[in-house]
Amino acid sequence: MPNPKRKFTRARRDSRRAKNWTLVENNLSRCTQCGVMRASHRVCPSCGFYNGKIVVVAKTKKSKGPEGGGEQKPQ
């Protein structure tokens, strides 16, 4: 079995190992319909459009009422 002739320094060892953990930023592009930043080649999360066509119906938040709270029972 072949063995290394010299000991790897900690700096060489650690720099070699660090290359596997590099993080890559996602490429974001603007949605042509609403202008929100979104991931390329994905449906826009805010409006549901992809490639100029509506693909997914956008979700809308439900309101709890005019005052924002539930009705309370009279005591």
PDB file of N, CA and C in Angstrom:
ATOM      1  N   MET A   1       0.841  -1.175   0.000  1.00  0.00           N
ATOM      2  CA  MET A   1       0.000   0.000   0.000  1.00  0.00           C
ATOM      3  C   MET A   1       0.887   1.239   0.000  1.00  0.00           C
ATOM      4  N   PRO A   2       0.680   2.156  -0.948  1.00  0.00           N
ATOM      5  CA  PRO A   2       1.495   3.373  -0.952  1.00  0.00           C
ATOM      6  C   PRO A   2       1.071   4.326   0.156  1.00  0.00           C
ATOM      7  N   ASN A   3       2.041   5.015   0.706  1.00  0.00           N
ATOM      8  CA  ASN A   3       1.810   5.997   1.756  1.00  0.00           C
ATOM      9  C   ASN A   3       2.345   7.348   1.310  1.00  0.00           C
ATOM     10  N   PRO A   4       1.782   8.432   1.841  1.00  0.00           N
ATOM     11  CA  PRO A   4       2.321   9.743   1.489  1.00  0.00           C
ATOM     12  C   PRO A   4       3.722   9.937   2.058  1.00  0.00           C
ATOM     13  N   LYS A   5       4.589  10.606   1.284  1.00  0.00           N
ATOM     14  CA  LYS A   5       5.965  10.812   1.737  1.00  0.00           C
ATOM     15  C   LYS A   5       6.033  11.837   2.851  1.00  0.00           C
ATOM     16  N   ARG A   6       5.200  12.875   2.749  1.00  0.00           N
ATOM     17  CA  ARG A   6       5.239  13.937   3.746  1.00  0.00           C
ATOM     18  C   ARG A   6       3.851  14.174   4.327  1.00  0.00           C
ATOM     19  N   LYS A   7       3.848  14.740   5.515  1.00  0.00           N
ATOM     20  CA  LYS A   7       2.588  15.055   6.184  1.00  0.00           C
ATOM     21  C   LYS A   7       1.940  16.276   5.517  1.00  0.00           C
ATOM     22  N   PHE A   8       0.638  16.206   5.298  1.00  0.00           N
ATOM     23  CA  PHE A   8      -0.089  17.360   4.791  1.00  0.00           C
ATOM     24  C   PHE A   8      -0.188  18.378   5.919  1.00  0.00           C
ATOM     25  N   THR A   9       0.073  19.639   5.599  1.00  0.00           N
ATOM     26  CA  THR A   9      -0.090  20.667   6.628  1.00  0.00           C
ATOM     27  C   THR A   9      -1.573  20.889   6.891  1.00  0.00           C
ATOM     28  N   ARG A  10      -1.881  21.458   8.040  1.00  0.00           N
ATOM     29  CA  ARG A  10      -3.275  21.723   8.375  1.00  0.00           C
ATOM     30  C   ARG A  10      -3.902  22.689   7.388  1.00  0.00           C
ATOM     31  N   ALA A  11      -3.125  23.663   6.914  1.00  0.00           N
ATOM     32  CA  ALA A  11      -3.659  24.644   5.976  1.00  0.00           C
ATOM     33  C   ALA A  11      -4.040  23.978   4.653  1.00  0.00           C
ATOM     34  N   ARG A  12      -3.187  23.114   4.136  1.00  0.00           N
ATOM     35  CA  ARG A  12      -3.492  22.417   2.881  1.00  0.00           C
ATOM     36  C   ARG A  12      -4.678  21.483   3.054  1.00  0.00           C
ATOM     37  N   ARG A  13      -4.698  20.768   4.150  1.00  0.00           N
ATOM     38  CA  ARG A  13      -5.792  19.841   4.413  1.00  0.00           C
ATOM     39  C   ARG A  13      -7.116  20.587   4.514  1.00  0.00           C
ATOM     40  N   ASP A  14      -7.125  21.680   5.290  1.00  0.00           N
ATOM     41  CA  ASP A  14      -8.369  22.412   5.511  1.00  0.00           C
ATOM     42  C   ASP A  14      -8.844  23.130   4.256  1.00  0.00           C
ATOM     43  N   SER A  15      -7.920  23.658   3.462  1.00  0.00           N
ATOM     44  CA  SER A  15      -8.333  24.335   2.235  1.00  0.00           C
ATOM     45  C   SER A  15      -8.896  23.332   1.231  1.00  0.00           C
ATOM     46  N   ARG A  16      -8.379  22.140   1.216  1.00  0.00           N
ATOM     47  CA  ARG A  16      -8.911  21.104   0.334  1.00  0.00           C
ATOM     48  C   ARG A  16     -10.331  20.719   0.765  1.00  0.00           C
ATOM     49  N   ARG A  17     -10.545  20.603   2.041  1.00  0.00           N
ATOM     50  CA  ARG A  17     -11.861  20.222   2.547  1.00  0.00           C
ATOM     51  C   ARG A  17     -12.885  21.347   2.405  1.00  0.00           C
ATOM     52  N   ALA A  18     -12.435  22.583   2.430  1.00  0.00           N
ATOM     53  CA  ALA A  18     -13.348  23.718   2.383  1.00  0.00           C
ATOM     54  C   ALA A  18     -14.000  23.874   1.016  1.00  0.00           C
ATOM     55  N   LYS A  19     -13.399  23.352  -0.032  1.00  0.00           N
ATOM     56  CA  LYS A  19     -13.949  23.522  -1.379  1.00  0.00           C
ATOM     57  C   LYS A  19     -15.268  22.799  -1.550  1.00  0.00           C
ATOM     58  N   ASN A  20     -15.511  21.782  -0.761  1.00  0.00           N
ATOM     59  CA  ASN A  20     -16.757  21.032  -0.877  1.00  0.00           C
ATOM     60  C   ASN A  20     -17.922  21.764  -0.252  1.00  0.00           C
ATOM     61  N   TRP A  21     -17.677  22.766   0.562  1.00  0.00           N
ATOM     62  CA  TRP A  21     -18.732  23.440   1.303  1.00  0.00           C
ATOM     63  C   TRP A  21     -18.971  24.867   0.831  1.00  0.00           C
ATOM     64  N   THR A  22     -18.513  25.217  -0.366  1.00  0.00           N
ATOM     65  CA  THR A  22     -18.736  26.575  -0.842  1.00  0.00           C
ATOM     66  C   THR A  22     -20.216  26.776  -1.140  1.00  0.00           C
ATOM     67  N   LEU A  23     -20.741  27.922  -0.770  1.00  0.00           N
ATOM     68  CA  LEU A  23     -22.144  28.234  -0.982  1.00  0.00           C
ATOM     69  C   LEU A  23     -22.295  29.073  -2.246  1.00  0.00           C
ATOM     70  N   VAL A  24     -23.334  28.796  -3.006  1.00  0.00           N
ATOM     71  CA  VAL A  24     -23.581  29.500  -4.249  1.00  0.00           C
ATOM     72  C   VAL A  24     -24.872  30.295  -4.094  1.00  0.00           C
ATOM     73  N   GLU A  25     -24.835  31.548  -4.496  1.00  0.00           N
ATOM     74  CA  GLU A  25     -26.030  32.372  -4.433  1.00  0.00           C
ATOM     75  C   GLU A  25     -26.989  31.972  -5.543  1.00  0.00           C
ATOM     76  N   ASN A  26     -28.269  32.028  -5.239  1.00  0.00           N
ATOM     77  CA  ASN A  26     -29.273  31.751  -6.263  1.00  0.00           C
ATOM     78  C   ASN A  26     -29.351  32.934  -7.211  1.00  0.00           C
ATOM     79  N   ASN A  27     -29.496  32.644  -8.499  1.00  0.00           N
ATOM     80  CA  ASN A  27     -29.666  33.704  -9.474  1.00  0.00           C
ATOM     81  C   ASN A  27     -31.128  34.116  -9.485  1.00  0.00           C
ATOM     82  N   LEU A  28     -31.389  35.358  -9.146  1.00  0.00           N
ATOM     83  CA  LEU A  28     -32.749  35.860  -9.095  1.00  0.00           C
ATOM     84  C   LEU A  28     -32.995  36.758 -10.295  1.00  0.00           C
ATOM     85  N   SER A  29     -34.221  36.728 -10.782  1.00  0.00           N
ATOM     86  CA  SER A  29     -34.607  37.604 -11.883  1.00  0.00           C
ATOM     87  C   SER A  29     -35.961  38.217 -11.551  1.00  0.00           C
ATOM     88  N   ARG A  30     -36.289  39.312 -12.227  1.00  0.00           N
ATOM     89  CA  ARG A  30     -37.553  39.993 -11.960  1.00  0.00           C
ATOM     90  C   ARG A  30     -38.687  39.308 -12.706  1.00  0.00           C
ATOM     91  N   CYS A  31     -39.822  39.216 -12.049  1.00  0.00           N
ATOM     92  CA  CYS A  31     -41.032  38.687 -12.676  1.00  0.00           C
ATOM     93  C   CYS A  31     -41.521  39.730 -13.684  1.00  0.00           C
ATOM     94  N   THR A  32     -41.888  39.277 -14.881  1.00  0.00           N
ATOM     95  CA  THR A  32     -42.325  40.223 -15.908  1.00  0.00           C
ATOM     96  C   THR A  32     -43.721  40.770 -15.622  1.00  0.00           C
ATOM     97  N   GLN A  33     -44.500  40.084 -14.795  1.00  0.00           N
ATOM     98  CA  GLN A  33     -45.858  40.519 -14.500  1.00  0.00           C
ATOM     99  C   GLN A  33     -45.915  41.488 -13.328  1.00  0.00           C
ATOM    100  N   CYS A  34     -45.290  41.093 -12.184  1.00  0.00           N
ATOM    101  CA  CYS A  34     -45.438  41.913 -10.977  1.00  0.00           C
ATOM    102  C   CYS A  34     -44.135  42.576 -10.537  1.00  0.00           C
ATOM    103  N   GLY A  35     -42.996  42.168 -11.064  1.00  0.00           N
ATOM    104  CA  GLY A  35     -41.729  42.813 -10.760  1.00  0.00           C
ATOM    105  C   GLY A  35     -41.042  42.320  -9.495  1.00  0.00           C
ATOM    106  N   VAL A  36     -41.558  41.281  -8.865  1.00  0.00           N
ATOM    107  CA  VAL A  36     -40.951  40.727  -7.653  1.00  0.00           C
ATOM    108  C   VAL A  36     -39.759  39.861  -8.057  1.00  0.00           C
ATOM    109  N   MET A  37     -38.712  39.858  -7.233  1.00  0.00           N
ATOM    110  CA  MET A  37     -37.564  39.008  -7.509  1.00  0.00           C
ATOM    111  C   MET A  37     -37.948  37.552  -7.256  1.00  0.00           C
ATOM    112  N   ARG A  38     -37.624  36.679  -8.215  1.00  0.00           N
ATOM    113  CA  ARG A  38     -37.955  35.263  -8.097  1.00  0.00           C
ATOM    114  C   ARG A  38     -36.820  34.436  -8.661  1.00  0.00           C
ATOM    115  N   ALA A  39     -36.801  33.132  -8.351  1.00  0.00           N
ATOM    116  CA  ALA A  39     -35.775  32.241  -8.872  1.00  0.00           C
ATOM    117  C   ALA A  39     -36.017  32.006 -10.360  1.00  0.00           C
ATOM    118  N   SER A  40     -34.947  31.874 -11.121  1.00  0.00           N
ATOM    119  CA  SER A  40     -35.067  31.654 -12.552  1.00  0.00           C
ATOM    120  C   SER A  40     -35.716  30.308 -12.836  1.00  0.00           C
ATOM    121  N   HIS A  41     -36.509  30.256 -13.885  1.00  0.00           N
ATOM    122  CA  HIS A  41     -37.177  29.029 -14.333  1.00  0.00           C
ATOM    123  C   HIS A  41     -38.105  28.452 -13.274  1.00  0.00           C
ATOM    124  N   ARG A  42     -38.711  29.315 -12.464  1.00  0.00           N
ATOM    125  CA  ARG A  42     -39.664  28.885 -11.450  1.00  0.00           C
ATOM    126  C   ARG A  42     -40.899  29.778 -11.538  1.00  0.00           C
ATOM    127  N   VAL A  43     -42.015  29.282 -11.044  1.00  0.00           N
ATOM    128  CA  VAL A  43     -43.247  30.064 -11.007  1.00  0.00           C
ATOM    129  C   VAL A  43     -43.075  31.187  -9.987  1.00  0.00           C
ATOM    130  N   CYS A  44     -43.580  32.363 -10.309  1.00  0.00           N
ATOM    131  CA  CYS A  44     -43.499  33.499  -9.397  1.00  0.00           C
ATOM    132  C   CYS A  44     -44.376  33.214  -8.178  1.00  0.00           C
ATOM    133  N   PRO A  45     -43.810  33.305  -6.963  1.00  0.00           N
ATOM    134  CA  PRO A  45     -44.600  32.992  -5.771  1.00  0.00           C
ATOM    135  C   PRO A  45     -45.692  34.024  -5.464  1.00  0.00           C
ATOM    136  N   SER A  46     -45.547  35.250  -5.962  1.00  0.00           N
ATOM    137  CA  SER A  46     -46.537  36.271  -5.609  1.00  0.00           C
ATOM    138  C   SER A  46     -47.707  36.323  -6.586  1.00  0.00           C
ATOM    139  N   CYS A  47     -47.456  36.136  -7.891  1.00  0.00           N
ATOM    140  CA  CYS A  47     -48.565  36.258  -8.846  1.00  0.00           C
ATOM    141  C   CYS A  47     -48.920  34.948  -9.543  1.00  0.00           C
ATOM    142  N   GLY A  48     -48.030  33.947  -9.521  1.00  0.00           N
ATOM    143  CA  GLY A  48     -48.345  32.651 -10.102  1.00  0.00           C
ATOM    144  C   GLY A  48     -48.100  32.553 -11.598  1.00  0.00           C
ATOM    145  N   PHE A  49     -47.409  33.523 -12.200  1.00  0.00           N
ATOM    146  CA  PHE A  49     -47.135  33.489 -13.628  1.00  0.00           C
ATOM    147  C   PHE A  49     -45.803  32.815 -13.909  1.00  0.00           C
ATOM    148  N   TYR A  50     -45.727  32.116 -15.056  1.00  0.00           N
ATOM    149  CA  TYR A  50     -44.466  31.561 -15.547  1.00  0.00           C
ATOM    150  C   TYR A  50     -44.494  31.647 -17.065  1.00  0.00           C
ATOM    151  N   ASN A  51     -43.483  32.233 -17.649  1.00  0.00           N
ATOM    152  CA  ASN A  51     -43.344  32.358 -19.103  1.00  0.00           C
ATOM    153  C   ASN A  51     -44.537  33.101 -19.723  1.00  0.00           C
ATOM    154  N   GLY A  52     -45.059  34.114 -19.010  1.00  0.00           N
ATOM    155  CA  GLY A  52     -46.142  34.928 -19.526  1.00  0.00           C
ATOM    156  C   GLY A  52     -47.521  34.323 -19.393  1.00  0.00           C
ATOM    157  N   LYS A  53     -47.634  33.146 -18.787  1.00  0.00           N
ATOM    158  CA  LYS A  53     -48.923  32.481 -18.619  1.00  0.00           C
ATOM    159  C   LYS A  53     -49.178  32.240 -17.145  1.00  0.00           C
ATOM    160  N   ILE A  54     -50.447  32.296 -16.739  1.00  0.00           N
ATOM    161  CA  ILE A  54     -50.765  32.007 -15.349  1.00  0.00           C
ATOM    162  C   ILE A  54     -50.771  30.489 -15.173  1.00  0.00           C
ATOM    163  N   VAL A  55     -49.999  30.027 -14.216  1.00  0.00           N
ATOM    164  CA  VAL A  55     -49.846  28.597 -13.986  1.00  0.00           C
ATOM    165  C   VAL A  55     -50.509  28.195 -12.679  1.00  0.00           C
ATOM    166  N   VAL A  56     -50.324  29.013 -11.651  1.00  0.00           N
ATOM    167  CA  VAL A  56     -50.855  28.726 -10.323  1.00  0.00           C
ATOM    168  C   VAL A  56     -51.666  29.925  -9.878  1.00  0.00           C
ATOM    169  N   VAL A  57     -52.825  29.649  -9.300  1.00  0.00           N
ATOM    170  CA  VAL A  57     -53.638  30.739  -8.759  1.00  0.00           C
ATOM    171  C   VAL A  57     -52.965  31.218  -7.479  1.00  0.00           C
ATOM    172  N   ALA A  58     -52.703  32.513  -7.395  1.00  0.00           N
ATOM    173  CA  ALA A  58     -52.007  33.083  -6.241  1.00  0.00           C
ATOM    174  C   ALA A  58     -52.883  32.995  -5.008  1.00  0.00           C
ATOM    175  N   LYS A  59     -52.258  32.688  -3.875  1.00  0.00           N
ATOM    176  CA  LYS A  59     -52.984  32.606  -2.620  1.00  0.00           C
ATOM    177  C   LYS A  59     -53.250  34.001  -2.081  1.00  0.00           C
ATOM    178  N   THR A  60     -54.427  34.181  -1.484  1.00  0.00           N
ATOM    179  CA  THR A  60     -54.758  35.454  -0.851  1.00  0.00           C
ATOM    180  C   THR A  60     -54.971  35.196   0.627  1.00  0.00           C
ATOM    181  N   LYS A  61     -54.559  36.136   1.444  1.00  0.00           N
ATOM    182  CA  LYS A  61     -54.724  35.989   2.883  1.00  0.00           C
ATOM    183  C   LYS A  61     -56.152  36.316   3.272  1.00  0.00           C
ATOM    184  N   LYS A  62     -56.699  35.497   4.153  1.00  0.00           N
ATOM    185  CA  LYS A  62     -58.058  35.725   4.630  1.00  0.00           C
ATOM    186  C   LYS A  62     -58.024  36.702   5.792  1.00  0.00           C
ATOM    187  N   SER A  63     -58.983  37.627   5.802  1.00  0.00           N
ATOM    188  CA  SER A  63     -59.066  38.543   6.926  1.00  0.00           C
ATOM    189  C   SER A  63     -60.087  38.009   7.918  1.00  0.00           C
ATOM    190  N   LYS A  64     -59.906  38.371   9.170  1.00  0.00           N
ATOM    191  CA  LYS A  64     -60.787  37.865  10.221  1.00  0.00           C
ATOM    192  C   LYS A  64     -62.043  38.708  10.379  1.00  0.00           C
ATOM    193  N   GLY A  65     -62.149  39.790   9.701  1.00  0.00           N
ATOM    194  CA  GLY A  65     -63.338  40.622   9.823  1.00  0.00           C
ATOM    195  C   GLY A  65     -62.950  42.089   9.767  1.00  0.00           C
ATOM    196  N   PRO A  66     -63.930  42.966   9.934  1.00  0.00           N
ATOM    197  CA  PRO A  66     -63.636  44.397   9.827  1.00  0.00           C
ATOM    198  C   PRO A  66     -62.716  44.910  10.932  1.00  0.00           C
ATOM    199  N   GLU A  67     -62.781  44.305  12.125  1.00  0.00           N
ATOM    200  CA  GLU A  67     -61.948  44.782  13.223  1.00  0.00           C
ATOM    201  C   GLU A  67     -60.712  43.912  13.423  1.00  0.00           C
ATOM    202  N   GLY A  68     -60.617  42.824  12.704  1.00  0.00           N
ATOM    203  CA  GLY A  68     -59.454  41.973  12.811  1.00  0.00           C
ATOM    204  C   GLY A  68     -59.522  40.959  13.929  1.00  0.00           C
ATOM    205  N   GLY A  69     -60.592  40.911  14.667  1.00  0.00           N
ATOM    206  CA  GLY A  69     -60.720  39.963  15.772  1.00  0.00           C
ATOM    207  C   GLY A  69     -61.974  39.122  15.617  1.00  0.00           C
ATOM    208  N   GLY A  70     -62.021  38.043  16.331  1.00  0.00           N
ATOM    209  CA  GLY A  70     -63.204  37.183  16.306  1.00  0.00           C
ATOM    210  C   GLY A  70     -64.309  37.767  17.164  1.00  0.00           C
ATOM    211  N   GLU A  71     -65.525  37.296  16.919  1.00  0.00           N
ATOM    212  CA  GLU A  71     -66.654  37.793  17.720  1.00  0.00           C
ATOM    213  C   GLU A  71     -66.618  37.170  19.097  1.00  0.00           C
ATOM    214  N   GLN A  72     -66.944  37.965  20.110  1.00  0.00           N
ATOM    215  CA  GLN A  72     -66.974  37.464  21.482  1.00  0.00           C
ATOM    216  C   GLN A  72     -68.421  37.281  21.904  1.00  0.00           C
ATOM    217  N   LYS A  73     -68.658  36.253  22.689  1.00  0.00           N
ATOM    218  CA  LYS A  73     -70.002  35.988  23.189  1.00  0.00           C
ATOM    219  C   LYS A  73     -70.301  36.920  24.369  1.00  0.00           C
ATOM    220  N   PRO A  74     -71.516  37.479  24.407  1.00  0.00           N
ATOM    221  CA  PRO A  74     -71.863  38.334  25.551  1.00  0.00           C
ATOM    222  C   PRO A  74     -72.037  37.487  26.801  1.00  0.00           C
ATOM    223  N   GLN A  75     -71.636  38.044  27.938  1.00  0.00           N
ATOM    224  CA  GLN A  75     -71.735  37.298  29.201  1.00  0.00           C
ATOM    225  C   GLN A  75     -72.844  37.799  30.058  1.00  0.00           C
TER     226      GLN A  75
END
